[in-house]
Amino acid sequence: MSADTLCLQLIRTHPRDAARTLEQLDVGEVAQFLARIPPEDAGRLVRLLVPQAGARCLATMGTHAAGAVLDHLQTDIAAVLLRRMERDRRRELLGAAGARKSAALRIALRYPDGVVGSVLDPDVFAVTANMRVSAVVALLQEQPDRQDDFLFVIDDRQHLVGAVEIKRLLRADAAARIQELSGPPVHIFHARESLASVRSHPIWSRLNLVPVVDHSGLLLGGISRDAVGIAQSDGPRTGEPEDVIGTLFSFAGALWGGFADLFAGDGSADRRREPGR
């Protein structure tokens, strides 16, 4: 059996483990790998990657290869990934997908003015429930400019299943699963809700960003106070100020970096033992 055949067999029998491994590699290398394997296998992996990684891989791949992968993704999941891309790149990939898939995606990506979906921000930080705290911290360290208070937890179908305050990661065991820290989101908005009703919601006295889902619970992104035209001074917020969170997280990043080998070894060992995410 050749190495390529063995690799594909492992992907087909243990796709979740393969996705967790790919998330730890350079995006460019992962994109090249996905472009070399059959698009149905690449689609299987992209569907299981956390959305920020899946979107970056598709955006980095060659246009023809990425279009072929889109053809093998569910329309709702493909739309979530496309929303995370620059408009020009999204247009290129829509043109590269098959005619039927492209038409379905254009419909899925369109929300009328005046509803939450028309102003949502797709670039929210989402992780899967079975990811290790150490792996999530590593992903956050790759995006030091983020100012999120929460990260959102998704299942294999990218449905929203929970939320975690990022500052909780500072006190968590590196080997702990995110599901051990996760609780229900404080609030959820639906993409078809009117902006007028959202604007007057009392949740803005507590949060800066609220997750947005579609009719099936798929995480589409988030909507912020700024997006609905609410000034920061319009209501108090619970929790720590953003600059304090950023400072604490920077400190934690340095601490975690010193134990990177230990964490990586622990996580990789568990991934070999467990078939699930």
C-alpha atoms as a PDB file:
ATOM      1  CA  MET A   1       0.000   0.000   0.000  1.00  0.00           C
ATOM      2  CA  SER A   2       1.435   3.389  -0.988  1.00  0.00           C
ATOM      3  CA  ALA A   3       1.793   6.276   1.466  1.00  0.00           C
ATOM      4  CA  ASP A   4      -0.866   8.249  -0.443  1.00  0.00           C
ATOM      5  CA  THR A   5      -3.324   5.346  -0.292  1.00  0.00           C
ATOM      6  CA  LEU A   6      -2.686   4.896   3.429  1.00  0.00           C
ATOM      7  CA  CYS A   7      -3.169   8.621   4.030  1.00  0.00           C
ATOM      8  CA  LEU A   8      -6.530   8.622   2.246  1.00  0.00           C
ATOM      9  CA  GLN A   9      -7.611   5.511   4.130  1.00  0.00           C
ATOM     10  CA  LEU A  10      -6.857   7.222   7.436  1.00  0.00           C
ATOM     11  CA  ILE A  11      -8.770  10.335   6.347  1.00  0.00           C
ATOM     12  CA  ARG A  12     -11.793   8.251   5.399  1.00  0.00           C
ATOM     13  CA  THR A  13     -11.812   6.170   8.562  1.00  0.00           C
ATOM     14  CA  HIS A  14     -10.735   8.841  11.085  1.00  0.00           C
ATOM     15  CA  PRO A  15     -11.713  12.209   9.545  1.00  0.00           C
ATOM     16  CA  ARG A  16     -12.063  14.003  12.898  1.00  0.00           C
ATOM     17  CA  ASP A  17      -8.582  13.028  14.009  1.00  0.00           C
ATOM     18  CA  ALA A  18      -7.231  14.096  10.617  1.00  0.00           C
ATOM     19  CA  ALA A  19      -8.965  17.474  10.904  1.00  0.00           C
ATOM     20  CA  ARG A  20      -7.556  18.086  14.397  1.00  0.00           C
ATOM     21  CA  THR A  21      -4.070  17.291  13.106  1.00  0.00           C
ATOM     22  CA  LEU A  22      -4.391  19.590  10.089  1.00  0.00           C
ATOM     23  CA  GLU A  23      -5.495  22.492  12.308  1.00  0.00           C
ATOM     24  CA  GLN A  24      -2.047  22.439  13.910  1.00  0.00           C
ATOM     25  CA  LEU A  25      -0.207  22.868  10.599  1.00  0.00           C
ATOM     26  CA  ASP A  26       0.552  25.870   8.430  1.00  0.00           C
ATOM     27  CA  VAL A  27      -2.495  26.946   6.420  1.00  0.00           C
ATOM     28  CA  GLY A  28      -0.536  27.064   3.174  1.00  0.00           C
ATOM     29  CA  GLU A  29       0.689  23.502   3.628  1.00  0.00           C
ATOM     30  CA  VAL A  30      -2.818  22.291   4.483  1.00  0.00           C
ATOM     31  CA  ALA A  31      -4.253  24.065   1.428  1.00  0.00           C
ATOM     32  CA  GLN A  32      -1.688  22.374  -0.822  1.00  0.00           C
ATOM     33  CA  PHE A  33      -2.495  18.999   0.712  1.00  0.00           C
ATOM     34  CA  LEU A  34      -6.251  19.469   0.266  1.00  0.00           C
ATOM     35  CA  ALA A  35      -5.727  20.432  -3.366  1.00  0.00           C
ATOM     36  CA  ARG A  36      -3.846  17.164  -4.022  1.00  0.00           C
ATOM     37  CA  ILE A  37      -6.430  14.751  -2.646  1.00  0.00           C
ATOM     38  CA  PRO A  38      -9.827  13.935  -4.212  1.00  0.00           C
ATOM     39  CA  PRO A  39     -12.250  16.843  -3.654  1.00  0.00           C
ATOM     40  CA  GLU A  40     -14.761  14.626  -1.863  1.00  0.00           C
ATOM     41  CA  ASP A  41     -12.082  13.769   0.727  1.00  0.00           C
ATOM     42  CA  ALA A  42     -10.983  17.389   0.964  1.00  0.00           C
ATOM     43  CA  GLY A  43     -14.607  18.378   1.511  1.00  0.00           C
ATOM     44  CA  ARG A  44     -14.927  15.815   4.297  1.00  0.00           C
ATOM     45  CA  LEU A  45     -11.951  17.388   6.067  1.00  0.00           C
ATOM     46  CA  VAL A  46     -12.899  21.024   5.473  1.00  0.00           C
ATOM     47  CA  ARG A  47     -16.345  20.366   6.949  1.00  0.00           C
ATOM     48  CA  LEU A  48     -14.725  19.167  10.176  1.00  0.00           C
ATOM     49  CA  LEU A  49     -12.142  21.955  10.514  1.00  0.00           C
ATOM     50  CA  VAL A  50     -13.004  24.828  12.804  1.00  0.00           C
ATOM     51  CA  PRO A  51     -14.565  27.449  10.493  1.00  0.00           C
ATOM     52  CA  GLN A  52     -11.736  29.978  10.690  1.00  0.00           C
ATOM     53  CA  ALA A  53      -9.286  27.277   9.531  1.00  0.00           C
ATOM     54  CA  GLY A  54     -11.611  25.890   6.850  1.00  0.00           C
ATOM     55  CA  ALA A  55     -12.214  29.330   5.370  1.00  0.00           C
ATOM     56  CA  ARG A  56      -8.512  30.198   5.305  1.00  0.00           C
ATOM     57  CA  CYS A  57      -7.690  26.920   3.578  1.00  0.00           C
ATOM     58  CA  LEU A  58     -10.310  27.445   0.860  1.00  0.00           C
ATOM     59  CA  ALA A  59      -9.206  31.045   0.386  1.00  0.00           C
ATOM     60  CA  THR A  60      -5.576  29.915  -0.007  1.00  0.00           C
ATOM     61  CA  MET A  61      -6.192  26.982  -2.362  1.00  0.00           C
ATOM     62  CA  GLY A  62      -6.151  27.355  -6.113  1.00  0.00           C
ATOM     63  CA  THR A  63      -9.494  28.614  -7.375  1.00  0.00           C
ATOM     64  CA  HIS A  64     -10.352  25.511  -9.410  1.00  0.00           C
ATOM     65  CA  ALA A  65      -9.485  23.130  -6.564  1.00  0.00           C
ATOM     66  CA  ALA A  66     -11.415  25.193  -4.016  1.00  0.00           C
ATOM     67  CA  GLY A  67     -14.459  25.308  -6.294  1.00  0.00           C
ATOM     68  CA  ALA A  68     -14.389  21.510  -6.537  1.00  0.00           C
ATOM     69  CA  VAL A  69     -14.275  21.246  -2.740  1.00  0.00           C
ATOM     70  CA  LEU A  70     -17.271  23.592  -2.432  1.00  0.00           C
ATOM     71  CA  ASP A  71     -19.233  21.190  -4.641  1.00  0.00           C
ATOM     72  CA  HIS A  72     -18.733  18.523  -1.969  1.00  0.00           C
ATOM     73  CA  LEU A  73     -19.785  20.671   0.993  1.00  0.00           C
ATOM     74  CA  GLN A  74     -23.295  21.160   2.307  1.00  0.00           C
ATOM     75  CA  THR A  75     -24.604  24.492   1.061  1.00  0.00           C
ATOM     76  CA  ASP A  76     -25.127  25.957   4.535  1.00  0.00           C
ATOM     77  CA  ILE A  77     -21.607  25.064   5.701  1.00  0.00           C
ATOM     78  CA  ALA A  78     -20.044  26.302   2.454  1.00  0.00           C
ATOM     79  CA  ALA A  79     -21.905  29.607   2.896  1.00  0.00           C
ATOM     80  CA  VAL A  80     -20.527  30.002   6.423  1.00  0.00           C
ATOM     81  CA  LEU A  81     -16.971  29.595   5.104  1.00  0.00           C
ATOM     82  CA  LEU A  82     -17.497  31.934   2.162  1.00  0.00           C
ATOM     83  CA  ARG A  83     -18.814  34.689   4.429  1.00  0.00           C
ATOM     84  CA  ARG A  84     -15.431  34.735   6.147  1.00  0.00           C
ATOM     85  CA  MET A  85     -13.593  35.626   2.919  1.00  0.00           C
ATOM     86  CA  GLU A  86     -12.934  38.886   1.124  1.00  0.00           C
ATOM     87  CA  ARG A  87     -15.702  39.721  -1.317  1.00  0.00           C
ATOM     88  CA  ASP A  88     -13.508  39.343  -4.422  1.00  0.00           C
ATOM     89  CA  ARG A  89     -12.245  35.920  -3.369  1.00  0.00           C
ATOM     90  CA  ARG A  90     -15.775  34.811  -2.535  1.00  0.00           C
ATOM     91  CA  ARG A  91     -16.904  35.844  -6.007  1.00  0.00           C
ATOM     92  CA  GLU A  92     -14.057  33.873  -7.598  1.00  0.00           C
ATOM     93  CA  LEU A  93     -14.938  30.705  -5.727  1.00  0.00           C
ATOM     94  CA  LEU A  94     -18.637  31.053  -6.479  1.00  0.00           C
ATOM     95  CA  GLY A  95     -17.681  31.189 -10.136  1.00  0.00           C
ATOM     96  CA  ALA A  96     -15.488  28.096  -9.795  1.00  0.00           C
ATOM     97  CA  ALA A  97     -18.161  25.954  -8.112  1.00  0.00           C
ATOM     98  CA  GLY A  98     -20.611  23.944 -10.187  1.00  0.00           C
ATOM     99  CA  ALA A  99     -23.629  25.822 -11.569  1.00  0.00           C
ATOM    100  CA  ARG A 100     -26.152  24.249  -9.183  1.00  0.00           C
ATOM    101  CA  LYS A 101     -23.969  24.685  -6.115  1.00  0.00           C
ATOM    102  CA  SER A 102     -23.127  28.254  -7.083  1.00  0.00           C
ATOM    103  CA  ALA A 103     -26.810  29.144  -7.493  1.00  0.00           C
ATOM    104  CA  ALA A 104     -27.686  27.590  -4.132  1.00  0.00           C
ATOM    105  CA  LEU A 105     -24.830  29.429  -2.438  1.00  0.00           C
ATOM    106  CA  ARG A 106     -25.795  32.801  -3.887  1.00  0.00           C
ATOM    107  CA  ILE A 107     -29.260  32.356  -2.402  1.00  0.00           C
ATOM    108  CA  ALA A 108     -27.878  31.222   0.956  1.00  0.00           C
ATOM    109  CA  LEU A 109     -25.514  34.206   1.129  1.00  0.00           C
ATOM    110  CA  ARG A 110     -28.240  36.775   0.485  1.00  0.00           C
ATOM    111  CA  TYR A 111     -30.065  38.418   3.378  1.00  0.00           C
ATOM    112  CA  PRO A 112     -32.410  41.378   2.839  1.00  0.00           C
ATOM    113  CA  ASP A 113     -31.687  44.784   4.353  1.00  0.00           C
ATOM    114  CA  GLY A 114     -33.137  45.292   7.791  1.00  0.00           C
ATOM    115  CA  VAL A 115     -32.429  41.824   9.210  1.00  0.00           C
ATOM    116  CA  VAL A 116     -29.612  40.606  11.418  1.00  0.00           C
ATOM    117  CA  GLY A 117     -28.064  38.510   8.654  1.00  0.00           C
ATOM    118  CA  SER A 118     -27.423  41.593   6.531  1.00  0.00           C
ATOM    119  CA  VAL A 119     -24.971  43.083   9.050  1.00  0.00           C
ATOM    120  CA  LEU A 120     -23.559  40.063  10.887  1.00  0.00           C
ATOM    121  CA  ASP A 121     -19.813  39.652  11.268  1.00  0.00           C
ATOM    122  CA  PRO A 122     -18.797  36.126  10.184  1.00  0.00           C
ATOM    123  CA  ASP A 123     -15.364  36.374  11.822  1.00  0.00           C
ATOM    124  CA  VAL A 124     -16.251  35.103  15.291  1.00  0.00           C
ATOM    125  CA  PHE A 125     -13.911  32.712  17.050  1.00  0.00           C
ATOM    126  CA  ALA A 126     -15.355  29.189  17.086  1.00  0.00           C
ATOM    127  CA  VAL A 127     -13.877  25.910  18.319  1.00  0.00           C
ATOM    128  CA  THR A 128     -15.123  22.357  18.641  1.00  0.00           C
ATOM    129  CA  ALA A 129     -16.219  20.961  21.997  1.00  0.00           C
ATOM    130  CA  ASN A 130     -13.520  18.290  22.209  1.00  0.00           C
ATOM    131  CA  MET A 131     -10.557  20.562  21.506  1.00  0.00           C
ATOM    132  CA  ARG A 132      -7.947  20.880  24.247  1.00  0.00           C
ATOM    133  CA  VAL A 133      -7.569  24.197  26.042  1.00  0.00           C
ATOM    134  CA  SER A 134      -3.897  24.247  24.978  1.00  0.00           C
ATOM    135  CA  ALA A 135      -4.862  23.936  21.290  1.00  0.00           C
ATOM    136  CA  VAL A 136      -7.416  26.742  21.596  1.00  0.00           C
ATOM    137  CA  VAL A 137      -4.883  29.023  23.282  1.00  0.00           C
ATOM    138  CA  ALA A 138      -2.447  28.319  20.447  1.00  0.00           C
ATOM    139  CA  LEU A 139      -5.087  29.341  17.891  1.00  0.00           C
ATOM    140  CA  LEU A 140      -5.829  32.537  19.812  1.00  0.00           C
ATOM    141  CA  GLN A 141      -2.139  33.391  19.982  1.00  0.00           C
ATOM    142  CA  GLU A 142      -2.060  33.335  16.176  1.00  0.00           C
ATOM    143  CA  GLN A 143      -4.606  36.183  16.207  1.00  0.00           C
ATOM    144  CA  PRO A 144      -3.279  38.567  18.890  1.00  0.00           C
ATOM    145  CA  ASP A 145      -5.399  41.504  17.690  1.00  0.00           C
ATOM    146  CA  ARG A 146      -8.708  39.801  18.521  1.00  0.00           C
ATOM    147  CA  GLN A 147     -10.778  41.540  21.204  1.00  0.00           C
ATOM    148  CA  ASP A 148     -13.360  38.790  21.781  1.00  0.00           C
ATOM    149  CA  ASP A 149     -14.739  38.267  25.281  1.00  0.00           C
ATOM    150  CA  PHE A 150     -16.189  34.860  24.362  1.00  0.00           C
ATOM    151  CA  LEU A 151     -15.355  32.003  22.065  1.00  0.00           C
ATOM    152  CA  PHE A 152     -18.202  29.957  20.640  1.00  0.00           C
ATOM    153  CA  VAL A 153     -18.408  26.172  20.695  1.00  0.00           C
ATOM    154  CA  ILE A 154     -19.709  24.202  17.718  1.00  0.00           C
ATOM    155  CA  ASP A 155     -20.426  20.555  16.971  1.00  0.00           C
ATOM    156  CA  ASP A 156     -19.385  18.501  13.928  1.00  0.00           C
ATOM    157  CA  ARG A 157     -22.116  20.140  11.837  1.00  0.00           C
ATOM    158  CA  GLN A 158     -20.979  23.633  12.927  1.00  0.00           C
ATOM    159  CA  HIS A 159     -24.122  24.137  14.983  1.00  0.00           C
ATOM    160  CA  LEU A 160     -23.728  26.410  17.999  1.00  0.00           C
ATOM    161  CA  VAL A 161     -23.713  24.338  21.196  1.00  0.00           C
ATOM    162  CA  GLY A 162     -22.073  26.600  23.770  1.00  0.00           C
ATOM    163  CA  ALA A 163     -19.855  29.517  24.705  1.00  0.00           C
ATOM    164  CA  VAL A 164     -16.815  30.075  26.928  1.00  0.00           C
ATOM    165  CA  GLU A 165     -15.475  33.310  28.378  1.00  0.00           C
ATOM    166  CA  ILE A 166     -11.942  33.615  27.076  1.00  0.00           C
ATOM    167  CA  LYS A 167     -10.637  34.691  30.471  1.00  0.00           C
ATOM    168  CA  ARG A 168     -11.653  31.245  31.810  1.00  0.00           C
ATOM    169  CA  LEU A 169      -8.873  29.762  29.685  1.00  0.00           C
ATOM    170  CA  LEU A 170      -6.347  31.525  31.898  1.00  0.00           C
ATOM    171  CA  ARG A 171      -7.363  29.375  34.864  1.00  0.00           C
ATOM    172  CA  ALA A 172      -8.064  26.143  32.994  1.00  0.00           C
ATOM    173  CA  ASP A 173      -6.003  22.968  32.844  1.00  0.00           C
ATOM    174  CA  ALA A 174      -4.141  22.814  29.520  1.00  0.00           C
ATOM    175  CA  ALA A 175      -5.348  19.249  28.937  1.00  0.00           C
ATOM    176  CA  ALA A 176      -9.006  20.014  29.659  1.00  0.00           C
ATOM    177  CA  ARG A 177     -11.571  19.774  26.877  1.00  0.00           C
ATOM    178  CA  ILE A 178     -13.427  22.933  25.920  1.00  0.00           C
ATOM    179  CA  GLN A 179     -16.717  21.159  26.622  1.00  0.00           C
ATOM    180  CA  GLU A 180     -15.702  21.041  30.305  1.00  0.00           C
ATOM    181  CA  LEU A 181     -15.656  24.868  30.393  1.00  0.00           C
ATOM    182  CA  SER A 182     -18.565  25.492  28.059  1.00  0.00           C
ATOM    183  CA  GLY A 183     -22.012  26.688  29.039  1.00  0.00           C
ATOM    184  CA  PRO A 184     -25.025  27.834  27.014  1.00  0.00           C
ATOM    185  CA  PRO A 185     -24.621  31.150  25.171  1.00  0.00           C
ATOM    186  CA  VAL A 186     -25.960  34.100  27.144  1.00  0.00           C
ATOM    187  CA  HIS A 187     -28.183  34.950  24.186  1.00  0.00           C
ATOM    188  CA  ILE A 188     -28.633  34.046  20.510  1.00  0.00           C
ATOM    189  CA  PHE A 189     -30.026  36.075  17.629  1.00  0.00           C
ATOM    190  CA  HIS A 190     -31.452  34.514  14.480  1.00  0.00           C
ATOM    191  CA  ALA A 191     -30.339  35.780  11.080  1.00  0.00           C
ATOM    192  CA  ARG A 192     -33.904  36.614  10.000  1.00  0.00           C
ATOM    193  CA  GLU A 193     -34.727  38.711  13.064  1.00  0.00           C
ATOM    194  CA  SER A 194     -35.332  42.368  12.332  1.00  0.00           C
ATOM    195  CA  LEU A 195     -32.640  44.854  13.248  1.00  0.00           C
ATOM    196  CA  ALA A 196     -35.290  47.051  14.862  1.00  0.00           C
ATOM    197  CA  SER A 197     -36.188  44.357  17.388  1.00  0.00           C
ATOM    198  CA  VAL A 198     -32.546  43.502  18.033  1.00  0.00           C
ATOM    199  CA  ARG A 199     -31.570  47.129  18.577  1.00  0.00           C
ATOM    200  CA  SER A 200     -33.934  47.465  21.540  1.00  0.00           C
ATOM    201  CA  HIS A 201     -32.977  44.170  23.181  1.00  0.00           C
ATOM    202  CA  PRO A 202     -31.744  44.447  26.805  1.00  0.00           C
ATOM    203  CA  ILE A 203     -28.854  42.048  26.125  1.00  0.00           C
ATOM    204  CA  TRP A 204     -26.708  44.991  24.974  1.00  0.00           C
ATOM    205  CA  SER A 205     -26.393  46.098  28.597  1.00  0.00           C
ATOM    206  CA  ARG A 206     -24.359  42.922  29.162  1.00  0.00           C
ATOM    207  CA  LEU A 207     -22.598  42.011  25.898  1.00  0.00           C
ATOM    208  CA  ASN A 208     -20.743  43.600  23.018  1.00  0.00           C
ATOM    209  CA  LEU A 209     -21.190  40.632  20.674  1.00  0.00           C
ATOM    210  CA  VAL A 210     -24.053  38.130  20.355  1.00  0.00           C
ATOM    211  CA  PRO A 211     -23.848  34.955  18.211  1.00  0.00           C
ATOM    212  CA  VAL A 212     -26.096  34.649  15.168  1.00  0.00           C
ATOM    213  CA  VAL A 213     -27.520  31.353  13.910  1.00  0.00           C
ATOM    214  CA  ASP A 214     -29.711  30.276  11.037  1.00  0.00           C
ATOM    215  CA  HIS A 215     -33.006  28.389  11.281  1.00  0.00           C
ATOM    216  CA  SER A 216     -31.182  25.092  11.980  1.00  0.00           C
ATOM    217  CA  GLY A 217     -28.825  26.455  14.659  1.00  0.00           C
ATOM    218  CA  LEU A 218     -25.794  26.739  12.364  1.00  0.00           C
ATOM    219  CA  LEU A 219     -23.395  29.401  13.650  1.00  0.00           C
ATOM    220  CA  LEU A 220     -23.227  32.145  11.019  1.00  0.00           C
ATOM    221  CA  GLY A 221     -21.243  34.738  12.967  1.00  0.00           C
ATOM    222  CA  GLY A 222     -22.036  37.465  15.458  1.00  0.00           C
ATOM    223  CA  ILE A 223     -23.636  40.861  15.637  1.00  0.00           C
ATOM    224  CA  SER A 224     -22.045  43.666  17.627  1.00  0.00           C
ATOM    225  CA  ARG A 225     -23.333  46.732  19.435  1.00  0.00           C
ATOM    226  CA  ASP A 226     -21.649  48.878  16.782  1.00  0.00           C
ATOM    227  CA  ALA A 227     -23.430  47.020  13.974  1.00  0.00           C
ATOM    228  CA  VAL A 228     -26.839  47.828  15.424  1.00  0.00           C
ATOM    229  CA  GLY A 229     -25.886  51.419  16.225  1.00  0.00           C
ATOM    230  CA  ILE A 230     -25.624  51.234  20.023  1.00  0.00           C
ATOM    231  CA  ALA A 231     -22.889  53.320  21.600  1.00  0.00           C
ATOM    232  CA  GLN A 232     -20.696  51.746  24.281  1.00  0.00           C
ATOM    233  CA  SER A 233     -21.951  54.291  26.823  1.00  0.00           C
ATOM    234  CA  ASP A 234     -25.573  53.247  26.379  1.00  0.00           C
ATOM    235  CA  GLY A 235     -25.363  50.556  29.030  1.00  0.00           C
ATOM    236  CA  PRO A 236     -23.047  48.887  31.507  1.00  0.00           C
ATOM    237  CA  ARG A 237     -21.277  45.651  30.737  1.00  0.00           C
ATOM    238  CA  THR A 238     -20.382  42.809  33.007  1.00  0.00           C
ATOM    239  CA  GLY A 239     -16.951  41.245  32.960  1.00  0.00           C
ATOM    240  CA  GLU A 240     -13.492  42.692  32.628  1.00  0.00           C
ATOM    241  CA  PRO A 241     -12.563  45.620  30.374  1.00  0.00           C
ATOM    242  CA  GLU A 242     -11.131  44.542  27.039  1.00  0.00           C
ATOM    243  CA  ASP A 243      -7.693  46.021  27.699  1.00  0.00           C
ATOM    244  CA  VAL A 244      -7.422  44.064  30.958  1.00  0.00           C
ATOM    245  CA  ILE A 245      -8.411  40.842  29.208  1.00  0.00           C
ATOM    246  CA  GLY A 246      -5.842  41.521  26.493  1.00  0.00           C
ATOM    247  CA  THR A 247      -3.089  42.133  29.025  1.00  0.00           C
ATOM    248  CA  LEU A 248      -3.917  38.981  30.976  1.00  0.00           C
ATOM    249  CA  PHE A 249      -4.048  36.910  27.829  1.00  0.00           C
ATOM    250  CA  SER A 250      -0.694  38.212  26.642  1.00  0.00           C
ATOM    251  CA  PHE A 251       0.786  37.201  29.987  1.00  0.00           C
ATOM    252  CA  ALA A 252      -0.835  33.786  29.750  1.00  0.00           C
ATOM    253  CA  GLY A 253       0.496  33.388  26.226  1.00  0.00           C
ATOM    254  CA  ALA A 254       4.054  33.735  27.461  1.00  0.00           C
ATOM    255  CA  LEU A 255       3.394  31.248  30.256  1.00  0.00           C
ATOM    256  CA  TRP A 256       1.767  28.726  27.938  1.00  0.00           C
ATOM    257  CA  GLY A 257       4.600  29.075  25.458  1.00  0.00           C
ATOM    258  CA  GLY A 258       7.046  27.806  28.045  1.00  0.00           C
ATOM    259  CA  PHE A 259       5.090  24.551  28.326  1.00  0.00           C
ATOM    260  CA  ALA A 260       4.261  24.133  24.637  1.00  0.00           C
ATOM    261  CA  ASP A 261       6.068  20.811  24.239  1.00  0.00           C
ATOM    262  CA  LEU A 262       4.354  19.328  27.263  1.00  0.00           C
ATOM    263  CA  PHE A 263       0.905  20.422  26.093  1.00  0.00           C
ATOM    264  CA  ALA A 264       1.453  19.241  22.536  1.00  0.00           C
ATOM    265  CA  GLY A 265       2.601  15.854  23.717  1.00  0.00           C
ATOM    266  CA  ASP A 266      -0.389  15.426  25.989  1.00  0.00           C
ATOM    267  CA  GLY A 267      -2.880  16.448  23.338  1.00  0.00           C
ATOM    268  CA  SER A 268      -1.351  14.298  20.610  1.00  0.00           C
ATOM    269  CA  ALA A 269      -1.345  11.253  22.847  1.00  0.00           C
ATOM    270  CA  ASP A 270      -5.031  11.666  23.606  1.00  0.00           C
ATOM    271  CA  ARG A 271      -5.848  12.138  19.954  1.00  0.00           C
ATOM    272  CA  ARG A 272      -4.222   8.790  19.184  1.00  0.00           C
ATOM    273  CA  ARG A 273      -6.283   7.082  21.879  1.00  0.00           C
ATOM    274  CA  GLU A 274      -9.649   8.646  21.178  1.00  0.00           C
ATOM    275  CA  PRO A 275     -11.537   8.231  17.871  1.00  0.00           C
ATOM    276  CA  GLY A 276     -13.798  11.230  18.501  1.00  0.00           C
ATOM    277  CA  ARG A 277     -13.113  14.912  18.478  1.00  0.00           C
END
